[in-house]
Amino acid sequence: MRVLVVGSPMVGHVLPLVPLARAFGEEGQDVVLATAGEGVDAARRAGLPARDVAPGLSMQRIGLGALLRHPVHIGRLACGGQGTHDSAGALFAPVNTRMADGVLALAEEWRADLVLHEALMPLGALAGARRGVPAVLVDALVYDGGALFTAVARRLGPLARRHGLRSVPGPDDVVTTIPPSLAGARPGHPMRAVAPAIPGDAPPDLALSGARPTVLVTRSTAGDRRRDRLMSTVVEAAEGADLDVVLVRPDRWVTRRPLPASVRATGWLPFADVLPHVAAVVHHGGSGTVLAALAAGVPQLVVRGPGDRSLHARLLRERGAGLGVPLDRLGRATLERLVGDPALRSGAQEVAAEIAAMPHPRELVGPLIELTGRPAAG
């Protein structure tokens, strides 16, 4: 059987699709992931066959165009996520349109029997309808995936009509990785959030289980040349604190000067192996990092900011599994509370147990194959 996976051209949106895509491959099915831009390298780095369906696509150019056409919606997105549904529709409808010819051509060339797609890629549902095969929404974003799908899809009417459909159809089924205690119950098959295995080893001298707690700091995978003050702020806040800091993929603004003895920098790390050994994670608030830290039972601090980051910070705080603070309030006391508050660790471990009880991606392969009318062992 042939499975087409459709993801946005962004690392943080491709990686959550990897565990289920890999599960299909491990069960003997043929899989290809359709994306563009930096998503292609991310998929291949994770060991998935990937096709660049929109060579030259630039999210920055698309974002600028969306800002010029919809300044209110995109402005709200940049200022903390207010009105995220409409903002996501305004930003990602052009992305779907730009990728449409490549995805639809690949679906036919690949003779796809099943399509898996993320919430911001209703194009996957369109490809499934054109092929006459099931399309499954993989809801791996903490923000309501169904609402995001609808917000983007309703702006794709012209695209659907150009390809012989009145509108983009809804998904035939849904898989969700979001633990209910974090963001409420979601429709569809629950699936365990599994951190995708990215090749790379932790440096052998990286002390993750030493006498002092280790705080991992990671930033957004979205390509952005602007200065990111998150890591430099953490470095300053950690001065004098009884903890060690590991900066994952720091930008040049941080590494241009010598780091304190308690701080070190690394490249990509295998989060599935590393996270269980750290005391806490500080990050930008992307869904993938939120779920990976929760699955490891690690308290986390999300710096409130654009898009869905403020929502994630609030949900973690309300669940008691982490903290959400603006960057200008991230100081030594905040870091010390993050690694030393037993209530935060207890809350994170409760969610980790909830995630561990959800079905592994391998367990979803059979039921999803059955949507195609084929026997699960076929």
Protein backbone atom coordinates (compact mmCIF):
# COMPACT_ATOMS: atom_id res chain seq x y z
CA MET A 1 0.00 0.00 0.00
CA ARG A 2 1.16 3.54 -0.76
CA VAL A 3 0.84 6.28 1.85
CA LEU A 4 1.23 9.95 0.97
CA VAL A 5 2.02 12.26 3.91
CA VAL A 6 1.51 16.01 3.41
CA GLY A 7 3.19 18.51 5.73
CA SER A 8 3.78 22.25 5.83
CA PRO A 9 7.22 23.44 4.67
CA MET A 10 8.44 23.92 8.24
CA VAL A 11 10.58 21.66 10.42
CA GLY A 12 8.27 21.95 13.43
CA HIS A 13 5.29 20.81 11.34
CA VAL A 14 7.01 17.94 9.54
CA LEU A 15 8.62 16.26 12.55
CA PRO A 16 5.31 15.49 14.37
CA LEU A 17 4.24 13.51 11.29
CA VAL A 18 7.37 11.37 11.34
CA PRO A 19 6.41 8.76 14.01
CA LEU A 20 3.17 7.70 12.27
CA ALA A 21 4.79 7.80 8.82
CA ARG A 22 7.63 5.64 10.11
CA ALA A 23 5.18 3.22 11.69
CA PHE A 24 3.59 2.64 8.28
CA GLY A 25 7.03 2.03 6.79
CA GLU A 26 7.97 -0.39 9.55
CA GLU A 27 4.78 -2.32 8.82
CA GLY A 28 5.84 -2.80 5.21
CA GLN A 29 3.93 0.05 3.55
CA ASP A 30 5.46 2.45 1.02
CA VAL A 31 5.59 6.01 2.33
CA VAL A 32 6.57 9.36 0.85
CA LEU A 33 6.31 12.76 2.52
CA ALA A 34 5.31 15.76 0.38
CA THR A 35 6.52 19.13 1.64
CA ALA A 36 8.81 21.96 0.57
CA GLY A 37 11.53 24.26 1.83
CA GLU A 38 13.19 23.32 5.10
CA GLY A 39 10.61 20.57 5.64
CA VAL A 40 12.30 18.44 2.97
CA ASP A 41 15.64 18.31 4.79
CA ALA A 42 13.88 17.68 8.10
CA ALA A 43 12.02 14.67 6.70
CA ARG A 44 15.12 13.20 5.11
CA ARG A 45 17.16 13.77 8.26
CA ALA A 46 14.51 11.76 10.10
CA GLY A 47 14.89 8.93 7.61
CA LEU A 48 11.76 9.47 5.51
CA PRO A 49 11.64 9.63 1.72
CA ALA A 50 10.60 13.20 0.91
CA ARG A 51 9.61 15.06 -2.24
CA ASP A 52 10.00 18.80 -2.70
CA VAL A 53 6.64 19.65 -4.28
CA ALA A 54 7.22 23.41 -4.49
CA PRO A 55 10.89 24.18 -5.27
CA GLY A 56 11.84 27.69 -4.27
CA LEU A 57 8.94 28.16 -1.87
CA SER A 58 9.77 30.81 0.74
CA MET A 59 7.70 31.06 3.90
CA GLN A 60 9.11 34.54 4.46
CA ARG A 61 7.84 35.76 1.08
CA ILE A 62 4.46 34.11 1.62
CA GLY A 63 4.25 35.64 5.08
CA LEU A 64 5.05 39.09 3.74
CA GLY A 65 2.38 38.71 1.06
CA ALA A 66 -0.15 37.58 3.66
CA LEU A 67 0.73 40.57 5.83
CA LEU A 68 0.14 42.98 2.94
CA ARG A 69 -3.21 41.39 2.07
CA HIS A 70 -4.43 40.73 5.62
CA PRO A 71 -2.58 43.12 7.96
CA VAL A 72 -5.09 42.77 10.80
CA HIS A 73 -5.07 38.96 10.89
CA ILE A 74 -1.31 38.57 10.51
CA GLY A 75 -0.71 41.41 12.95
CA ARG A 76 -2.79 39.63 15.57
CA LEU A 77 -0.80 36.43 14.99
CA ALA A 78 2.46 38.28 15.53
CA CYS A 79 1.19 39.91 18.72
CA GLY A 80 0.37 36.85 20.77
CA GLY A 81 -2.01 34.64 18.86
CA GLN A 82 -5.29 36.50 19.21
CA GLY A 83 -7.65 35.39 16.45
CA THR A 84 -5.32 32.52 15.52
CA HIS A 85 -7.95 30.69 13.43
CA ASP A 86 -8.40 33.49 10.91
CA SER A 87 -4.71 34.36 11.06
CA ALA A 88 -3.70 30.78 10.27
CA GLY A 89 -6.16 30.72 7.39
CA ALA A 90 -4.73 33.93 5.95
CA LEU A 91 -1.15 32.66 6.23
CA PHE A 92 -1.47 29.00 5.25
CA ALA A 93 -4.06 29.17 2.46
CA PRO A 94 -1.38 30.63 0.15
CA VAL A 95 1.03 27.90 1.28
CA ASN A 96 -1.50 25.22 0.32
CA THR A 97 -2.14 26.93 -3.03
CA ARG A 98 1.58 27.19 -3.78
CA MET A 99 2.08 23.47 -3.04
CA ALA A 100 -1.12 22.26 -4.71
CA ASP A 101 0.14 21.36 -8.19
CA GLY A 102 3.08 19.40 -6.79
CA VAL A 103 1.05 17.52 -4.18
CA LEU A 104 -1.78 16.60 -6.56
CA ALA A 105 0.66 15.47 -9.24
CA LEU A 106 2.59 13.37 -6.72
CA ALA A 107 -0.62 11.77 -5.41
CA GLU A 108 -1.41 10.57 -8.94
CA GLU A 109 2.15 9.60 -9.85
CA TRP A 110 2.58 7.82 -6.51
CA ARG A 111 -0.85 6.18 -6.87
CA ALA A 112 -1.55 6.97 -3.23
CA ASP A 113 -3.97 4.65 -1.42
CA LEU A 114 -4.11 6.76 1.76
CA VAL A 115 -3.25 10.38 2.58
CA LEU A 116 -2.09 11.61 5.98
CA HIS A 117 -1.92 15.36 6.52
CA GLU A 118 -1.54 17.91 9.29
CA ALA A 119 -4.14 20.48 10.33
CA LEU A 120 -2.63 23.35 8.32
CA MET A 121 -2.53 21.26 5.13
CA PRO A 122 -6.17 20.70 4.01
CA LEU A 123 -4.51 20.21 0.64
CA GLY A 124 -4.03 16.61 1.81
CA ALA A 125 -7.80 16.16 2.04
CA LEU A 126 -8.16 17.66 -1.44
CA ALA A 127 -5.56 15.22 -2.78
CA GLY A 128 -7.40 12.30 -1.17
CA ALA A 129 -10.72 13.38 -2.68
CA ARG A 130 -9.18 13.76 -6.12
CA ARG A 131 -7.71 10.27 -5.84
CA GLY A 132 -10.88 8.82 -4.31
CA VAL A 133 -8.93 7.56 -1.28
CA PRO A 134 -9.26 8.30 2.46
CA ALA A 135 -7.51 11.32 3.95
CA VAL A 136 -6.66 11.38 7.66
CA LEU A 137 -5.98 14.49 9.70
CA VAL A 138 -3.01 14.00 12.05
CA ASP A 139 -3.83 16.48 14.81
CA ALA A 140 -0.41 16.94 16.39
CA LEU A 141 -0.69 20.63 17.26
CA VAL A 142 -1.70 21.68 20.76
CA TYR A 143 -3.96 24.30 19.17
CA ASP A 144 -7.30 22.81 18.04
CA GLY A 145 -6.42 21.00 14.83
CA GLY A 146 -9.98 20.73 13.60
CA ALA A 147 -10.51 24.48 13.93
CA LEU A 148 -7.23 25.22 12.14
CA PHE A 149 -8.15 22.82 9.31
CA THR A 150 -11.49 24.57 8.84
CA ALA A 151 -9.95 28.05 8.92
CA VAL A 152 -7.50 27.21 6.13
CA ALA A 153 -9.90 25.04 4.09
CA ARG A 154 -12.60 27.68 3.80
CA ARG A 155 -10.10 29.95 2.03
CA LEU A 156 -9.32 27.25 -0.53
CA GLY A 157 -12.65 27.24 -2.37
CA PRO A 158 -11.16 28.58 -5.63
CA LEU A 159 -8.42 25.93 -5.50
CA ALA A 160 -10.96 23.15 -4.91
CA ARG A 161 -13.18 24.33 -7.77
CA ARG A 162 -10.20 24.53 -10.09
CA HIS A 163 -9.73 20.83 -9.45
CA GLY A 164 -13.35 19.81 -9.88
CA LEU A 165 -14.64 19.97 -6.31
CA ARG A 166 -17.09 22.43 -4.78
CA SER A 167 -14.95 22.79 -1.65
CA VAL A 168 -12.22 21.05 0.28
CA PRO A 169 -13.83 18.04 2.00
CA GLY A 170 -13.36 17.32 5.67
CA PRO A 171 -11.00 14.54 6.74
CA ASP A 172 -12.24 10.95 6.62
CA ASP A 173 -10.74 10.28 10.04
CA VAL A 174 -8.63 11.97 12.69
CA VAL A 175 -5.64 10.96 14.79
CA THR A 176 -4.78 13.16 17.76
CA THR A 177 -1.66 13.23 19.91
CA ILE A 178 -2.92 15.79 22.42
CA PRO A 179 -3.41 14.49 25.99
CA PRO A 180 -6.93 15.46 27.13
CA SER A 181 -5.81 16.85 30.48
CA LEU A 182 -3.76 19.50 28.66
CA ALA A 183 -6.21 20.88 26.10
CA GLY A 184 -9.48 18.98 26.49
CA ALA A 185 -10.85 15.95 24.67
CA ARG A 186 -10.38 15.84 20.90
CA PRO A 187 -12.28 13.73 18.35
CA GLY A 188 -10.55 10.81 16.65
CA HIS A 189 -8.10 8.07 17.52
CA PRO A 190 -5.73 8.98 20.36
CA MET A 191 -2.06 8.39 19.54
CA ARG A 192 0.98 8.64 21.77
CA ALA A 193 3.24 11.61 21.10
CA VAL A 194 6.62 10.10 20.28
CA ALA A 195 9.66 12.31 19.85
CA PRO A 196 10.97 11.66 16.32
CA ALA A 197 14.41 10.11 16.29
CA ILE A 198 16.75 12.58 14.61
CA PRO A 199 20.22 11.22 13.83
CA GLY A 200 22.84 12.66 16.12
CA ASP A 201 24.46 11.78 19.39
CA ALA A 202 24.76 13.72 22.59
CA PRO A 203 28.39 14.70 23.18
CA PRO A 204 29.96 12.05 25.45
CA ASP A 205 30.98 14.65 28.01
CA LEU A 206 27.54 16.23 28.19
CA ALA A 207 26.64 15.94 31.87
CA LEU A 208 22.92 15.27 32.02
CA SER A 209 22.73 13.36 35.28
CA GLY A 210 25.34 15.11 37.37
CA ALA A 211 25.13 16.56 40.83
CA ARG A 212 23.54 19.77 39.54
CA PRO A 213 20.28 19.97 37.61
CA THR A 214 20.58 20.54 33.87
CA VAL A 215 18.30 22.94 31.98
CA LEU A 216 17.98 22.36 28.26
CA VAL A 217 17.30 25.49 26.19
CA THR A 218 16.04 25.18 22.62
CA ARG A 219 14.71 27.67 20.12
CA SER A 220 12.34 27.62 17.17
CA THR A 221 13.25 25.53 14.15
CA ALA A 222 11.64 28.15 11.88
CA GLY A 223 14.26 29.88 9.78
CA ASP A 224 14.66 33.42 11.09
CA ARG A 225 17.80 35.51 10.74
CA ARG A 226 16.74 37.98 13.39
CA ARG A 227 18.40 37.95 16.78
CA ASP A 228 16.75 35.52 19.22
CA ARG A 229 17.08 36.85 22.76
CA LEU A 230 15.79 33.70 24.46
CA MET A 231 19.12 31.96 24.92
CA SER A 232 21.12 35.04 25.90
CA THR A 233 18.44 35.85 28.48
CA VAL A 234 18.69 32.35 29.98
CA VAL A 235 22.48 32.58 30.09
CA GLU A 236 22.23 35.83 32.06
CA ALA A 237 19.51 34.44 34.35
CA ALA A 238 21.55 31.32 35.14
CA GLU A 239 24.51 33.28 36.50
CA GLY A 240 25.01 32.33 40.12
CA ALA A 241 22.26 29.67 40.05
CA ASP A 242 23.01 26.11 41.15
CA LEU A 243 22.33 24.54 37.77
CA ASP A 244 23.89 23.82 34.38
CA VAL A 245 22.57 25.02 31.04
CA VAL A 246 22.77 23.33 27.63
CA LEU A 247 21.96 25.51 24.61
CA VAL A 248 20.69 23.51 21.64
CA ARG A 249 21.51 25.06 18.25
CA PRO A 250 22.24 28.54 19.64
CA ASP A 251 22.33 31.44 17.21
CA ARG A 252 25.51 33.38 16.51
CA TRP A 253 24.51 36.19 18.86
CA VAL A 254 24.95 33.85 21.83
CA THR A 255 28.15 32.08 20.80
CA ARG A 256 30.03 35.17 19.61
CA ARG A 257 31.31 35.66 23.16
CA PRO A 258 32.69 33.14 25.71
CA LEU A 259 30.04 31.26 27.65
CA PRO A 260 30.13 30.85 31.46
CA ALA A 261 31.54 27.59 32.81
CA SER A 262 28.02 26.39 33.68
CA VAL A 263 26.77 26.85 30.10
CA ARG A 264 27.61 24.88 27.00
CA ALA A 265 26.33 24.76 23.43
CA THR A 266 25.50 21.77 21.20
CA GLY A 267 24.01 21.09 17.81
CA TRP A 268 20.94 18.91 17.23
CA LEU A 269 20.30 16.50 20.08
CA PRO A 270 18.29 13.27 20.08
CA PHE A 271 15.51 14.56 22.35
CA ALA A 272 14.02 11.12 22.92
CA ASP A 273 17.31 10.05 24.55
CA VAL A 274 18.25 13.32 26.23
CA LEU A 275 15.03 14.73 27.69
CA PRO A 276 14.52 12.05 30.38
CA HIS A 277 17.86 13.07 31.91
CA VAL A 278 17.35 16.82 32.25
CA ALA A 279 15.68 18.74 35.06
CA ALA A 280 13.78 21.17 32.85
CA VAL A 281 13.40 22.64 29.37
CA VAL A 282 13.16 26.30 28.39
CA HIS A 283 11.89 26.96 24.88
CA HIS A 284 9.93 29.05 22.40
CA GLY A 285 6.65 27.15 22.82
CA GLY A 286 6.34 25.05 19.67
CA SER A 287 3.88 22.14 19.85
CA GLY A 288 6.56 19.54 19.13
CA THR A 289 8.77 20.64 22.00
CA VAL A 290 5.80 21.01 24.36
CA LEU A 291 4.68 17.43 23.71
CA ALA A 292 8.20 15.98 23.73
CA ALA A 293 8.92 17.50 27.15
CA LEU A 294 5.56 16.36 28.51
CA ALA A 295 6.14 12.82 27.22
CA ALA A 296 9.43 12.79 29.12
CA GLY A 297 7.80 14.11 32.29
CA VAL A 298 10.02 17.19 32.34
CA PRO A 299 8.84 20.61 33.63
CA GLN A 300 9.10 23.30 30.99
CA LEU A 301 9.10 27.04 30.70
CA VAL A 302 7.53 28.60 27.61
CA VAL A 303 8.33 32.18 26.76
CA ARG A 304 5.05 33.76 25.73
CA GLY A 305 5.07 35.17 22.21
CA PRO A 306 3.57 35.16 18.71
CA GLY A 307 1.26 32.56 17.19
CA ASP A 308 0.18 29.77 19.49
CA ARG A 309 3.00 30.26 22.01
CA SER A 310 0.91 32.24 24.47
CA LEU A 311 -1.80 29.58 24.40
CA HIS A 312 0.75 26.83 25.07
CA ALA A 313 2.22 28.79 27.97
CA ARG A 314 -1.23 29.25 29.50
CA LEU A 315 -2.22 25.58 29.09
CA LEU A 316 1.00 24.34 30.68
CA ARG A 317 0.58 26.75 33.58
CA GLU A 318 -3.04 25.74 34.14
CA ARG A 319 -2.12 22.04 33.98
CA GLY A 320 0.63 22.59 36.55
CA ALA A 321 3.25 21.06 34.26
CA GLY A 322 5.23 24.19 33.50
CA LEU A 323 5.57 27.95 33.55
CA GLY A 324 4.73 30.63 31.01
CA VAL A 325 6.46 33.98 31.33
CA PRO A 326 7.34 36.91 29.07
CA LEU A 327 11.02 37.14 28.22
CA ASP A 328 11.60 40.24 30.34
CA ARG A 329 10.51 38.33 33.47
CA LEU A 330 12.78 35.33 32.93
CA GLY A 331 15.31 35.63 35.74
CA ARG A 332 17.31 33.49 38.13
CA ALA A 333 14.37 32.97 40.50
CA THR A 334 12.23 31.66 37.64
CA LEU A 335 14.88 29.12 36.61
CA GLU A 336 15.37 28.00 40.21
CA ARG A 337 11.64 27.49 40.63
CA LEU A 338 11.48 25.57 37.35
CA VAL A 339 14.05 22.99 38.48
CA GLY A 340 13.14 22.97 42.16
CA ASP A 341 9.34 23.04 42.41
CA PRO A 342 8.14 19.46 43.07
CA ALA A 343 4.59 20.39 42.04
CA LEU A 344 5.76 21.22 38.52
CA ARG A 345 7.61 17.92 38.18
CA SER A 346 4.63 16.03 39.57
CA GLY A 347 2.30 17.72 37.07
CA ALA A 348 4.63 16.94 34.17
CA GLN A 349 4.96 13.31 35.24
CA GLU A 350 1.18 12.95 35.47
CA VAL A 351 0.86 14.08 31.85
CA ALA A 352 3.74 11.77 30.87
CA ALA A 353 1.81 8.82 32.31
CA GLU A 354 -1.28 9.95 30.40
CA ILE A 355 0.70 10.10 27.14
CA ALA A 356 2.34 6.72 27.77
CA ALA A 357 -1.13 5.14 28.11
CA MET A 358 -2.14 6.37 24.63
CA PRO A 359 -1.71 3.90 21.73
CA HIS A 360 1.69 3.81 20.04
CA PRO A 361 1.72 4.94 16.37
CA ARG A 362 2.20 1.30 15.33
CA GLU A 363 -1.20 0.50 16.81
CA LEU A 364 -2.87 3.01 14.48
CA VAL A 365 -1.54 1.50 11.27
CA GLY A 366 -4.09 -1.33 11.11
CA PRO A 367 -7.22 0.78 11.73
CA LEU A 368 -6.08 3.38 9.19
CA ILE A 369 -5.34 0.77 6.54
CA GLU A 370 -8.85 -0.56 7.04
CA LEU A 371 -10.20 2.82 5.92
CA THR A 372 -8.95 1.96 2.45
CA GLY A 373 -10.98 -1.25 2.35
CA ARG A 374 -7.84 -3.37 2.47
CA PRO A 375 -7.10 -5.93 5.17
CA ALA A 376 -4.77 -4.56 7.84
CA ALA A 377 -2.15 -7.19 7.04
CA GLY A 378 -2.19 -6.30 3.31
